[in-house]
Amino acid sequence: MYEKSWDLFDLAFELQNSAEGLSLDEIQRRYNVSLRTAQRMCAGLRDYFPNMEEYSTDGRCKRWRISSQQMNALFTFSPQELSALQASVNFLQQHNLHEQAKSLVSLETKVKNLLQSKKRKRSLEDETEALLKIEGLAFRPGPRFHLDVEILNTLRTALLNKKQIKNK
């Protein structure tokens, strides 16, 4: 990744993680840049985060910060990723690795909290549950069915694209 792009990305996280934000002087020192470059960096971030806060602490020193809600919008998760996470939890629990499973459940909760709308969260949870059922990874008593990989991929694709499948 281009180094200056990485600096902007890093600055965005710094502005989110700092409750009091950063001043231009702090940005200059942290990234070893001139005043004008620090100003450009803030202006560049404002293009991506229009609600970036700019405020004065003592009437002279301006500071900038970004709320976590704005940064959360950068992260998206697919049903496949969430079902893989849940499948890992199931696997660990089945093999009596409860502490590791507990850690993954905690991670799953954090990931779900990053999702934007309740409607999107519910939709993603439904798709994830359906994927787990299709792949035979959900907990259920009795024998497990082994599906051909090609059939499994067809079912997965149909589910994710909300397509109906006809049995020949």
N, C-alpha and C. Protein backbone atom coordinates (compact mmCIF):
# COMPACT_ATOMS: atom_id res chain seq x y z
N MET A 1 0.86 -1.17 0.00
CA MET A 1 0.00 0.00 0.00
C MET A 1 0.90 1.23 0.00
N TYR A 2 0.50 2.24 -0.73
CA TYR A 2 1.24 3.49 -0.80
C TYR A 2 1.35 4.08 0.60
N GLU A 3 2.56 4.48 0.98
CA GLU A 3 2.83 4.89 2.36
C GLU A 3 1.95 6.06 2.82
N LYS A 4 1.74 7.03 1.96
CA LYS A 4 0.94 8.19 2.35
C LYS A 4 -0.52 7.79 2.57
N SER A 5 -1.01 6.84 1.78
CA SER A 5 -2.36 6.33 1.98
C SER A 5 -2.46 5.64 3.33
N TRP A 6 -1.43 4.88 3.65
CA TRP A 6 -1.41 4.19 4.94
C TRP A 6 -1.41 5.20 6.08
N ASP A 7 -0.67 6.30 5.92
CA ASP A 7 -0.65 7.35 6.95
C ASP A 7 -2.05 7.92 7.17
N LEU A 8 -2.81 8.14 6.09
CA LEU A 8 -4.18 8.66 6.23
C LEU A 8 -5.06 7.65 6.97
N PHE A 9 -4.94 6.40 6.60
CA PHE A 9 -5.71 5.34 7.24
C PHE A 9 -5.36 5.28 8.73
N ASP A 10 -4.07 5.34 9.02
CA ASP A 10 -3.61 5.31 10.41
C ASP A 10 -4.10 6.54 11.17
N LEU A 11 -4.05 7.70 10.53
CA LEU A 11 -4.54 8.92 11.17
C LEU A 11 -6.02 8.82 11.50
N ALA A 12 -6.80 8.24 10.59
CA ALA A 12 -8.23 8.08 10.84
C ALA A 12 -8.45 7.26 12.11
N PHE A 13 -7.70 6.17 12.28
CA PHE A 13 -7.84 5.35 13.49
C PHE A 13 -7.37 6.13 14.73
N GLU A 14 -6.31 6.90 14.59
CA GLU A 14 -5.83 7.71 15.71
C GLU A 14 -6.89 8.72 16.13
N LEU A 15 -7.54 9.36 15.15
CA LEU A 15 -8.56 10.35 15.47
C LEU A 15 -9.79 9.71 16.10
N GLN A 16 -10.04 8.45 15.78
CA GLN A 16 -11.16 7.74 16.40
C GLN A 16 -10.79 7.30 17.81
N ASN A 17 -9.58 6.83 18.00
CA ASN A 17 -9.18 6.25 19.29
C ASN A 17 -8.88 7.29 20.35
N SER A 18 -8.66 8.53 19.95
CA SER A 18 -8.33 9.58 20.91
C SER A 18 -9.58 10.36 21.28
N ALA A 19 -9.95 10.31 22.54
CA ALA A 19 -11.16 11.02 23.00
C ALA A 19 -11.05 12.52 22.79
N GLU A 20 -9.84 13.05 22.97
CA GLU A 20 -9.67 14.50 22.80
C GLU A 20 -9.24 14.87 21.39
N GLY A 21 -9.03 13.88 20.52
CA GLY A 21 -8.62 14.16 19.15
C GLY A 21 -7.15 14.54 19.08
N LEU A 22 -6.73 15.02 17.91
CA LEU A 22 -5.34 15.42 17.70
C LEU A 22 -5.29 16.83 17.14
N SER A 23 -4.24 17.55 17.48
CA SER A 23 -4.02 18.89 16.93
C SER A 23 -3.12 18.76 15.71
N LEU A 24 -3.02 19.83 14.93
CA LEU A 24 -2.13 19.82 13.77
C LEU A 24 -0.68 19.61 14.20
N ASP A 25 -0.30 20.19 15.31
CA ASP A 25 1.06 20.02 15.83
C ASP A 25 1.34 18.55 16.14
N GLU A 26 0.39 17.88 16.77
CA GLU A 26 0.56 16.45 17.10
C GLU A 26 0.63 15.61 15.83
N ILE A 27 -0.17 15.96 14.83
CA ILE A 27 -0.15 15.24 13.56
C ILE A 27 1.21 15.44 12.89
N GLN A 28 1.72 16.67 12.91
CA GLN A 28 3.04 16.95 12.33
C GLN A 28 4.12 16.08 12.96
N ARG A 29 4.13 16.04 14.28
CA ARG A 29 5.15 15.27 14.98
C ARG A 29 5.00 13.76 14.76
N ARG A 30 3.76 13.28 14.83
CA ARG A 30 3.52 11.85 14.71
C ARG A 30 3.87 11.31 13.32
N TYR A 31 3.61 12.09 12.28
CA TYR A 31 3.83 11.62 10.92
C TYR A 31 5.02 12.29 10.24
N ASN A 32 5.75 13.12 11.00
CA ASN A 32 6.94 13.80 10.50
C ASN A 32 6.64 14.54 9.19
N VAL A 33 5.63 15.41 9.24
CA VAL A 33 5.20 16.17 8.07
C VAL A 33 5.16 17.66 8.40
N SER A 34 5.06 18.47 7.36
CA SER A 34 4.97 19.92 7.54
C SER A 34 3.55 20.30 7.98
N LEU A 35 3.40 21.55 8.38
CA LEU A 35 2.08 22.05 8.78
C LEU A 35 1.10 21.92 7.62
N ARG A 36 1.54 22.32 6.44
CA ARG A 36 0.65 22.28 5.27
C ARG A 36 0.22 20.83 4.96
N THR A 37 1.13 19.88 5.08
CA THR A 37 0.78 18.48 4.84
C THR A 37 -0.19 17.97 5.89
N ALA A 38 0.00 18.37 7.15
CA ALA A 38 -0.93 17.98 8.21
C ALA A 38 -2.33 18.54 7.91
N GLN A 39 -2.38 19.77 7.41
CA GLN A 39 -3.67 20.36 7.02
C GLN A 39 -4.31 19.58 5.88
N ARG A 40 -3.48 19.20 4.89
CA ARG A 40 -3.99 18.41 3.75
C ARG A 40 -4.50 17.04 4.22
N MET A 41 -3.81 16.45 5.16
CA MET A 41 -4.24 15.15 5.68
C MET A 41 -5.63 15.27 6.32
N CYS A 42 -5.82 16.31 7.12
CA CYS A 42 -7.14 16.53 7.75
C CYS A 42 -8.20 16.80 6.69
N ALA A 43 -7.85 17.60 5.68
CA ALA A 43 -8.81 17.89 4.61
C ALA A 43 -9.15 16.62 3.84
N GLY A 44 -8.15 15.78 3.60
CA GLY A 44 -8.39 14.52 2.89
C GLY A 44 -9.31 13.59 3.67
N LEU A 45 -9.13 13.53 4.97
CA LEU A 45 -10.00 12.69 5.80
C LEU A 45 -11.42 13.22 5.84
N ARG A 46 -11.57 14.54 5.78
CA ARG A 46 -12.90 15.14 5.81
C ARG A 46 -13.72 14.69 4.58
N ASP A 47 -13.04 14.40 3.45
CA ASP A 47 -13.73 13.90 2.26
C ASP A 47 -14.39 12.55 2.54
N TYR A 48 -13.73 11.71 3.34
CA TYR A 48 -14.27 10.39 3.66
C TYR A 48 -15.13 10.39 4.92
N PHE A 49 -14.85 11.32 5.80
CA PHE A 49 -15.59 11.41 7.06
C PHE A 49 -16.12 12.83 7.22
N PRO A 50 -17.20 13.16 6.49
CA PRO A 50 -17.71 14.54 6.50
C PRO A 50 -18.13 15.03 7.90
N ASN A 51 -18.42 14.12 8.80
CA ASN A 51 -18.82 14.51 10.16
C ASN A 51 -17.64 14.55 11.13
N MET A 52 -16.42 14.56 10.58
CA MET A 52 -15.24 14.66 11.42
C MET A 52 -15.34 15.96 12.23
N GLU A 53 -15.15 15.84 13.54
CA GLU A 53 -15.31 17.00 14.42
C GLU A 53 -14.05 17.86 14.45
N GLU A 54 -14.25 19.15 14.37
CA GLU A 54 -13.17 20.12 14.52
C GLU A 54 -13.59 21.07 15.64
N TYR A 55 -12.75 21.22 16.65
CA TYR A 55 -13.11 22.08 17.76
C TYR A 55 -11.85 22.71 18.35
N SER A 56 -12.02 23.74 19.14
CA SER A 56 -10.91 24.43 19.79
C SER A 56 -10.93 24.12 21.28
N THR A 57 -9.75 23.86 21.85
CA THR A 57 -9.67 23.54 23.28
C THR A 57 -9.54 24.79 24.13
N ASP A 58 -8.69 25.71 23.72
CA ASP A 58 -8.49 26.92 24.52
C ASP A 58 -8.71 28.18 23.68
N GLY A 59 -9.45 28.03 22.61
CA GLY A 59 -9.72 29.16 21.75
C GLY A 59 -8.67 29.36 20.67
N ARG A 60 -7.52 28.68 20.82
CA ARG A 60 -6.46 28.84 19.82
C ARG A 60 -6.09 27.52 19.16
N CYS A 61 -6.05 26.47 19.90
CA CYS A 61 -5.58 25.18 19.39
C CYS A 61 -6.76 24.36 18.85
N LYS A 62 -6.74 24.12 17.55
CA LYS A 62 -7.79 23.29 16.94
C LYS A 62 -7.42 21.83 17.06
N ARG A 63 -8.45 21.01 17.26
CA ARG A 63 -8.27 19.56 17.36
C ARG A 63 -9.31 18.88 16.48
N TRP A 64 -8.99 17.67 16.03
CA TRP A 64 -9.90 16.91 15.19
C TRP A 64 -10.09 15.52 15.79
N ARG A 65 -11.30 14.99 15.61
CA ARG A 65 -11.58 13.61 16.03
C ARG A 65 -12.68 13.06 15.13
N ILE A 66 -12.75 11.73 15.12
CA ILE A 66 -13.74 11.01 14.31
C ILE A 66 -14.50 10.08 15.24
N SER A 67 -15.83 10.09 15.16
CA SER A 67 -16.62 9.19 16.02
C SER A 67 -16.50 7.75 15.51
N SER A 68 -16.64 6.82 16.42
CA SER A 68 -16.49 5.40 16.05
C SER A 68 -17.57 4.95 15.07
N GLN A 69 -18.76 5.56 15.11
CA GLN A 69 -19.82 5.17 14.19
C GLN A 69 -19.40 5.40 12.74
N GLN A 70 -18.64 6.45 12.50
CA GLN A 70 -18.19 6.72 11.14
C GLN A 70 -17.18 5.67 10.67
N MET A 71 -16.30 5.26 11.56
CA MET A 71 -15.29 4.26 11.20
C MET A 71 -15.93 2.89 11.02
N ASN A 72 -16.95 2.59 11.80
CA ASN A 72 -17.59 1.28 11.70
C ASN A 72 -18.16 1.04 10.32
N ALA A 73 -18.54 2.10 9.62
CA ALA A 73 -19.11 1.96 8.28
C ALA A 73 -18.09 1.39 7.29
N LEU A 74 -16.80 1.43 7.64
CA LEU A 74 -15.77 0.89 6.75
C LEU A 74 -15.73 -0.64 6.75
N PHE A 75 -16.32 -1.24 7.76
CA PHE A 75 -16.23 -2.69 7.91
C PHE A 75 -17.53 -3.37 7.48
N THR A 76 -17.41 -4.35 6.61
CA THR A 76 -18.56 -5.14 6.21
C THR A 76 -18.19 -6.61 6.37
N PHE A 77 -19.21 -7.42 6.60
CA PHE A 77 -18.98 -8.84 6.81
C PHE A 77 -19.98 -9.62 5.98
N SER A 78 -19.51 -10.67 5.35
CA SER A 78 -20.39 -11.49 4.50
C SER A 78 -20.99 -12.63 5.32
N PRO A 79 -22.10 -13.19 4.83
CA PRO A 79 -22.68 -14.34 5.52
C PRO A 79 -21.68 -15.51 5.58
N GLN A 80 -20.86 -15.66 4.54
CA GLN A 80 -19.87 -16.74 4.53
C GLN A 80 -18.87 -16.57 5.67
N GLU A 81 -18.43 -15.32 5.90
CA GLU A 81 -17.47 -15.07 6.97
C GLU A 81 -18.09 -15.37 8.34
N LEU A 82 -19.32 -14.93 8.53
CA LEU A 82 -19.98 -15.16 9.82
C LEU A 82 -20.29 -16.65 10.03
N SER A 83 -20.67 -17.34 8.96
CA SER A 83 -20.96 -18.77 9.12
C SER A 83 -19.67 -19.54 9.40
N ALA A 84 -18.55 -19.12 8.80
CA ALA A 84 -17.26 -19.76 9.09
C ALA A 84 -16.88 -19.54 10.55
N LEU A 85 -17.15 -18.34 11.06
CA LEU A 85 -16.87 -18.04 12.46
C LEU A 85 -17.73 -18.92 13.37
N GLN A 86 -19.02 -19.02 13.05
CA GLN A 86 -19.92 -19.84 13.85
C GLN A 86 -19.56 -21.32 13.75
N ALA A 87 -19.17 -21.76 12.56
CA ALA A 87 -18.74 -23.16 12.39
C ALA A 87 -17.51 -23.45 13.24
N SER A 88 -16.63 -22.48 13.33
CA SER A 88 -15.43 -22.65 14.18
C SER A 88 -15.82 -22.77 15.64
N VAL A 89 -16.77 -21.97 16.07
CA VAL A 89 -17.27 -22.05 17.45
C VAL A 89 -17.84 -23.43 17.70
N ASN A 90 -18.68 -23.90 16.77
CA ASN A 90 -19.29 -25.22 16.91
C ASN A 90 -18.22 -26.32 17.00
N PHE A 91 -17.22 -26.24 16.13
CA PHE A 91 -16.15 -27.23 16.12
C PHE A 91 -15.41 -27.24 17.45
N LEU A 92 -15.07 -26.06 17.95
CA LEU A 92 -14.35 -25.97 19.22
C LEU A 92 -15.19 -26.53 20.38
N GLN A 93 -16.48 -26.23 20.38
CA GLN A 93 -17.34 -26.75 21.44
C GLN A 93 -17.46 -28.27 21.36
N GLN A 94 -17.57 -28.80 20.14
CA GLN A 94 -17.67 -30.25 19.97
C GLN A 94 -16.41 -30.96 20.45
N HIS A 95 -15.27 -30.27 20.41
CA HIS A 95 -14.01 -30.87 20.82
C HIS A 95 -13.57 -30.40 22.21
N ASN A 96 -14.55 -29.95 23.00
CA ASN A 96 -14.33 -29.56 24.39
C ASN A 96 -13.24 -28.49 24.57
N LEU A 97 -13.16 -27.58 23.61
CA LEU A 97 -12.25 -26.45 23.71
C LEU A 97 -13.09 -25.21 24.02
N HIS A 98 -13.69 -25.24 25.20
CA HIS A 98 -14.69 -24.24 25.56
C HIS A 98 -14.12 -22.83 25.73
N GLU A 99 -12.91 -22.71 26.23
CA GLU A 99 -12.32 -21.38 26.40
C GLU A 99 -12.08 -20.71 25.04
N GLN A 100 -11.56 -21.49 24.07
CA GLN A 100 -11.34 -20.94 22.73
C GLN A 100 -12.67 -20.60 22.07
N ALA A 101 -13.67 -21.44 22.28
CA ALA A 101 -15.00 -21.17 21.73
C ALA A 101 -15.57 -19.89 22.33
N LYS A 102 -15.36 -19.71 23.62
CA LYS A 102 -15.85 -18.51 24.30
C LYS A 102 -15.20 -17.26 23.70
N SER A 103 -13.91 -17.34 23.39
CA SER A 103 -13.21 -16.21 22.77
C SER A 103 -13.79 -15.89 21.41
N LEU A 104 -14.09 -16.92 20.62
CA LEU A 104 -14.67 -16.68 19.29
C LEU A 104 -16.09 -16.13 19.38
N VAL A 105 -16.85 -16.57 20.38
CA VAL A 105 -18.19 -16.02 20.58
C VAL A 105 -18.09 -14.53 20.91
N SER A 106 -17.10 -14.17 21.73
CA SER A 106 -16.88 -12.77 22.06
C SER A 106 -16.53 -11.97 20.80
N LEU A 107 -15.68 -12.54 19.96
CA LEU A 107 -15.32 -11.89 18.69
C LEU A 107 -16.55 -11.75 17.79
N GLU A 108 -17.35 -12.79 17.72
CA GLU A 108 -18.57 -12.75 16.90
C GLU A 108 -19.50 -11.64 17.37
N THR A 109 -19.65 -11.48 18.67
CA THR A 109 -20.49 -10.42 19.22
C THR A 109 -19.96 -9.04 18.82
N LYS A 110 -18.66 -8.86 18.90
CA LYS A 110 -18.06 -7.58 18.52
C LYS A 110 -18.27 -7.30 17.03
N VAL A 111 -18.11 -8.33 16.22
CA VAL A 111 -18.31 -8.17 14.77
C VAL A 111 -19.75 -7.78 14.48
N LYS A 112 -20.69 -8.45 15.11
CA LYS A 112 -22.11 -8.14 14.89
C LYS A 112 -22.46 -6.73 15.36
N ASN A 113 -21.79 -6.27 16.40
CA ASN A 113 -22.05 -4.91 16.88
C ASN A 113 -21.56 -3.85 15.91
N LEU A 114 -20.65 -4.21 15.03
CA LEU A 114 -20.17 -3.27 14.02
C LEU A 114 -21.17 -3.10 12.87
N LEU A 115 -22.09 -4.04 12.73
CA LEU A 115 -23.05 -3.95 11.63
C LEU A 115 -23.94 -2.74 11.83
N GLN A 116 -24.25 -2.07 10.73
CA GLN A 116 -24.93 -0.79 10.79
C GLN A 116 -26.39 -0.86 11.24
N SER A 117 -27.25 -1.41 10.44
CA SER A 117 -28.68 -1.37 10.76
C SER A 117 -29.15 -2.69 11.35
N LYS A 118 -30.20 -2.60 12.15
CA LYS A 118 -30.77 -3.82 12.73
C LYS A 118 -31.33 -4.72 11.64
N LYS A 119 -31.90 -4.11 10.59
CA LYS A 119 -32.46 -4.87 9.49
C LYS A 119 -31.35 -5.65 8.78
N ARG A 120 -30.22 -5.00 8.50
CA ARG A 120 -29.09 -5.66 7.84
C ARG A 120 -28.51 -6.74 8.75
N LYS A 121 -28.43 -6.45 10.05
CA LYS A 121 -27.90 -7.42 11.01
C LYS A 121 -28.78 -8.67 11.02
N ARG A 122 -30.11 -8.48 11.06
CA ARG A 122 -31.03 -9.61 11.09
C ARG A 122 -30.93 -10.42 9.80
N SER A 123 -30.86 -9.74 8.66
CA SER A 123 -30.74 -10.40 7.36
C SER A 123 -29.46 -11.23 7.30
N LEU A 124 -28.36 -10.65 7.77
CA LEU A 124 -27.09 -11.36 7.75
C LEU A 124 -27.12 -12.56 8.69
N GLU A 125 -27.75 -12.42 9.84
CA GLU A 125 -27.87 -13.54 10.78
C GLU A 125 -28.71 -14.66 10.16
N ASP A 126 -29.80 -14.30 9.47
CA ASP A 126 -30.64 -15.32 8.81
C ASP A 126 -29.87 -16.05 7.73
N GLU A 127 -29.11 -15.31 6.91
CA GLU A 127 -28.33 -15.93 5.85
C GLU A 127 -27.24 -16.83 6.44
N THR A 128 -26.63 -16.38 7.52
CA THR A 128 -25.58 -17.17 8.17
C THR A 128 -26.15 -18.47 8.72
N GLU A 129 -27.30 -18.38 9.37
CA GLU A 129 -27.94 -19.58 9.92
C GLU A 129 -28.31 -20.56 8.81
N ALA A 130 -28.84 -20.04 7.72
CA ALA A 130 -29.20 -20.90 6.59
C ALA A 130 -27.96 -21.56 5.99
N LEU A 131 -26.87 -20.84 5.89
CA LEU A 131 -25.62 -21.43 5.38
C LEU A 131 -25.14 -22.54 6.30
N LEU A 132 -25.21 -22.32 7.60
CA LEU A 132 -24.79 -23.36 8.54
C LEU A 132 -25.64 -24.62 8.38
N LYS A 133 -26.94 -24.43 8.19
CA LYS A 133 -27.82 -25.59 8.03
C LYS A 133 -27.51 -26.32 6.73
N ILE A 134 -27.31 -25.57 5.65
CA ILE A 134 -27.00 -26.18 4.36
C ILE A 134 -25.72 -26.99 4.45
N GLU A 135 -24.73 -26.43 5.10
CA GLU A 135 -23.43 -27.08 5.17
C GLU A 135 -23.38 -28.19 6.21
N GLY A 136 -24.50 -28.40 6.93
CA GLY A 136 -24.55 -29.50 7.90
C GLY A 136 -23.68 -29.26 9.12
N LEU A 137 -23.40 -28.00 9.43
CA LEU A 137 -22.52 -27.70 10.54
C LEU A 137 -23.26 -27.27 11.79
N ALA A 138 -24.55 -27.08 11.67
CA ALA A 138 -25.33 -26.67 12.84
C ALA A 138 -25.46 -27.88 13.77
N PHE A 139 -25.55 -27.62 15.06
CA PHE A 139 -25.74 -28.70 16.02
C PHE A 139 -27.11 -29.32 15.81
N ARG A 140 -27.13 -30.61 15.60
CA ARG A 140 -28.39 -31.33 15.57
C ARG A 140 -28.07 -32.81 15.81
N PRO A 141 -28.95 -33.47 16.52
CA PRO A 141 -28.70 -34.88 16.83
C PRO A 141 -28.90 -35.75 15.59
N GLY A 142 -28.33 -36.94 15.66
CA GLY A 142 -28.53 -37.89 14.58
C GLY A 142 -27.39 -37.87 13.58
N PRO A 143 -27.57 -38.66 12.52
CA PRO A 143 -26.50 -38.78 11.52
C PRO A 143 -26.33 -37.48 10.73
N ARG A 144 -25.13 -37.29 10.28
CA ARG A 144 -24.82 -36.13 9.45
C ARG A 144 -24.81 -36.56 7.99
N PHE A 145 -25.33 -35.68 7.15
CA PHE A 145 -25.36 -35.96 5.72
C PHE A 145 -24.14 -35.33 5.06
N HIS A 146 -23.57 -36.06 4.13
CA HIS A 146 -22.43 -35.54 3.39
C HIS A 146 -22.88 -35.22 1.98
N LEU A 147 -22.81 -33.92 1.64
CA LEU A 147 -23.23 -33.48 0.32
C LEU A 147 -22.02 -33.35 -0.60
N ASP A 148 -22.26 -33.60 -1.87
CA ASP A 148 -21.25 -33.37 -2.89
C ASP A 148 -20.89 -31.87 -2.86
N VAL A 149 -19.62 -31.54 -3.01
CA VAL A 149 -19.17 -30.15 -2.94
C VAL A 149 -19.85 -29.29 -3.99
N GLU A 150 -20.07 -29.85 -5.18
CA GLU A 150 -20.72 -29.10 -6.26
C GLU A 150 -22.17 -28.74 -5.88
N ILE A 151 -22.88 -29.69 -5.28
CA ILE A 151 -24.25 -29.44 -4.84
C ILE A 151 -24.26 -28.40 -3.72
N LEU A 152 -23.33 -28.55 -2.79
CA LEU A 152 -23.23 -27.60 -1.68
C LEU A 152 -22.99 -26.18 -2.20
N ASN A 153 -22.08 -26.04 -3.16
CA ASN A 153 -21.80 -24.71 -3.73
C ASN A 153 -23.01 -24.15 -4.47
N THR A 154 -23.76 -25.00 -5.16
CA THR A 154 -24.97 -24.56 -5.84
C THR A 154 -26.01 -24.07 -4.84
N LEU A 155 -26.19 -24.81 -3.75
CA LEU A 155 -27.13 -24.40 -2.71
C LEU A 155 -26.71 -23.09 -2.05
N ARG A 156 -25.41 -22.99 -1.76
CA ARG A 156 -24.89 -21.78 -1.14
C ARG A 156 -25.12 -20.56 -2.04
N THR A 157 -24.80 -20.69 -3.32
CA THR A 157 -24.98 -19.59 -4.28
C THR A 157 -26.44 -19.21 -4.39
N ALA A 158 -27.32 -20.20 -4.47
CA ALA A 158 -28.76 -19.92 -4.58
C ALA A 158 -29.27 -19.19 -3.35
N LEU A 159 -28.84 -19.63 -2.19
CA LEU A 159 -29.27 -18.98 -0.94
C LEU A 159 -28.82 -17.52 -0.90
N LEU A 160 -27.56 -17.29 -1.20
CA LEU A 160 -27.03 -15.94 -1.11
C LEU A 160 -27.61 -15.00 -2.17
N ASN A 161 -28.02 -15.57 -3.30
CA ASN A 161 -28.61 -14.75 -4.37
C ASN A 161 -30.13 -14.78 -4.35
N LYS A 162 -30.68 -15.43 -3.32
CA LYS A 162 -32.13 -15.53 -3.14
C LYS A 162 -32.81 -16.10 -4.38
N LYS A 163 -32.25 -17.21 -4.88
CA LYS A 163 -32.78 -17.90 -6.07
C LYS A 163 -33.42 -19.21 -5.64
N GLN A 164 -34.42 -19.62 -6.38
CA GLN A 164 -35.10 -20.88 -6.11
C GLN A 164 -34.42 -21.98 -6.92
N ILE A 165 -34.31 -23.17 -6.31
CA ILE A 165 -33.69 -24.31 -6.98
C ILE A 165 -34.76 -25.35 -7.23
N LYS A 166 -34.76 -25.91 -8.44
CA LYS A 166 -35.70 -26.97 -8.78
C LYS A 166 -34.96 -28.30 -8.80
N ASN A 167 -35.58 -29.30 -8.23
CA ASN A 167 -35.03 -30.64 -8.19
C ASN A 167 -35.35 -31.33 -9.51
N LYS A 168 -34.34 -31.90 -10.15
CA LYS A 168 -34.56 -32.57 -11.45
C LYS A 168 -35.02 -33.98 -11.26
